[in-house]
């Protein structure tokens, strides 16, 4: 992702800056998705593996990236509180 774009992106709700999800975090997320244990903030089950994502620097919300475009819609976010031990970069 372009560093200039990353520098201006933030969570649309909390205005917290975001960073790319690490491989370890992404693997944990995709394992939980495969197990059927992930819901979006809107309560909709996430069923598709995520190839790339951003996470708020406080580690609370994940936003997926589709075709190089961050999906920064509040209802599309994935809260990390639903994971027992979500790793941090």
Protein backbone atom coordinates (compact mmCIF):
# COMPACT_ATOMS: atom_id res chain seq x y z
CA UNK A 1 0.00 0.00 0.00
CA UNK A 2 1.20 3.49 -0.84
CA UNK A 3 2.83 5.04 2.24
CA UNK A 4 1.22 8.42 1.53
CA UNK A 5 -2.25 6.85 1.49
CA UNK A 6 -1.52 4.91 4.66
CA UNK A 7 -0.43 8.12 6.39
CA UNK A 8 -3.85 9.75 5.82
CA UNK A 9 -6.12 6.76 6.50
CA UNK A 10 -7.78 6.38 9.87
CA UNK A 11 -10.71 4.58 11.44
CA UNK A 12 -13.87 6.41 10.32
CA UNK A 13 -15.37 6.12 13.80
CA UNK A 14 -12.53 6.70 16.29
CA UNK A 15 -10.18 8.57 13.89
CA UNK A 16 -7.37 6.28 15.10
CA UNK A 17 -4.58 5.83 12.51
CA UNK A 18 -4.21 2.42 10.87
CA UNK A 19 -1.30 0.18 9.89
CA UNK A 20 -1.05 -2.95 7.73
CA UNK A 21 -2.03 -6.21 9.43
CA UNK A 22 1.04 -8.39 10.08
CA UNK A 23 1.27 -11.91 8.65
CA UNK A 24 0.75 -13.39 12.13
CA UNK A 25 -2.35 -11.25 12.71
CA UNK A 26 -3.67 -12.09 9.23
CA UNK A 27 -3.14 -15.82 9.81
CA UNK A 28 -4.99 -15.63 13.14
CA UNK A 29 -7.86 -13.74 11.50
CA UNK A 30 -8.15 -16.20 8.60
CA UNK A 31 -8.02 -19.21 10.95
CA UNK A 32 -10.95 -17.74 12.89
CA UNK A 33 -12.83 -17.00 9.65
CA UNK A 34 -12.32 -20.61 8.52
CA UNK A 35 -13.71 -21.76 11.87
CA UNK A 36 -16.81 -19.56 11.40
CA UNK A 37 -15.99 -17.38 14.40
CA UNK A 38 -15.73 -13.89 12.88
CA UNK A 39 -18.45 -11.25 12.54
CA UNK A 40 -18.26 -7.72 11.20
CA UNK A 41 -19.14 -4.78 13.44
CA UNK A 42 -22.64 -4.98 11.90
CA UNK A 43 -22.98 -8.57 13.13
CA UNK A 44 -22.66 -10.18 9.70
CA UNK A 45 -20.60 -13.38 9.54
CA UNK A 46 -17.31 -12.98 7.65
CA UNK A 47 -16.95 -16.04 5.41
CA UNK A 48 -14.26 -15.05 2.88
CA UNK A 49 -10.54 -15.27 3.62
CA UNK A 50 -8.87 -11.90 3.78
CA UNK A 51 -5.68 -11.44 1.76
CA UNK A 52 -4.77 -8.01 3.05
CA UNK A 53 -6.07 -5.71 5.78
CA UNK A 54 -5.43 -2.69 7.96
CA UNK A 55 -5.78 -2.51 11.74
CA UNK A 56 -6.11 0.51 13.98
CA UNK A 57 -2.90 1.21 15.85
CA UNK A 58 -4.72 0.51 19.12
CA UNK A 59 -5.49 -2.99 17.76
CA UNK A 60 -9.27 -2.71 18.09
CA UNK A 61 -10.66 -2.74 14.53
CA UNK A 62 -9.60 -4.44 11.29
CA UNK A 63 -10.55 -3.15 7.84
CA UNK A 64 -10.06 -5.42 4.82
CA UNK A 65 -8.39 -4.32 1.60
CA UNK A 66 -10.03 -5.49 -1.63
CA UNK A 67 -8.20 -5.17 -4.94
CA UNK A 68 -5.81 -2.67 -3.35
CA UNK A 69 -8.64 -0.49 -2.01
CA UNK A 70 -9.18 -0.20 1.76
CA UNK A 71 -12.81 -0.79 2.75
CA UNK A 72 -13.10 1.80 5.51
CA UNK A 73 -16.84 1.54 6.14
CA UNK A 74 -17.69 1.44 9.87
CA UNK A 75 -20.12 -1.50 9.49
CA UNK A 76 -17.52 -3.51 7.53
CA UNK A 77 -14.91 -3.34 10.28
CA UNK A 78 -13.99 -6.44 12.28
CA UNK A 79 -13.63 -5.88 16.02
CA UNK A 80 -10.74 -7.73 17.62
CA UNK A 81 -12.51 -8.10 20.97
CA UNK A 82 -14.25 -11.19 19.55
CA UNK A 83 -10.89 -13.01 19.60
CA UNK A 84 -9.62 -14.48 22.86
CA UNK A 85 -5.93 -13.82 22.14
CA UNK A 86 -5.52 -11.66 19.07
CA UNK A 87 -1.79 -11.14 18.48
CA UNK A 88 -0.34 -7.70 18.07
CA UNK A 89 2.39 -6.99 15.56
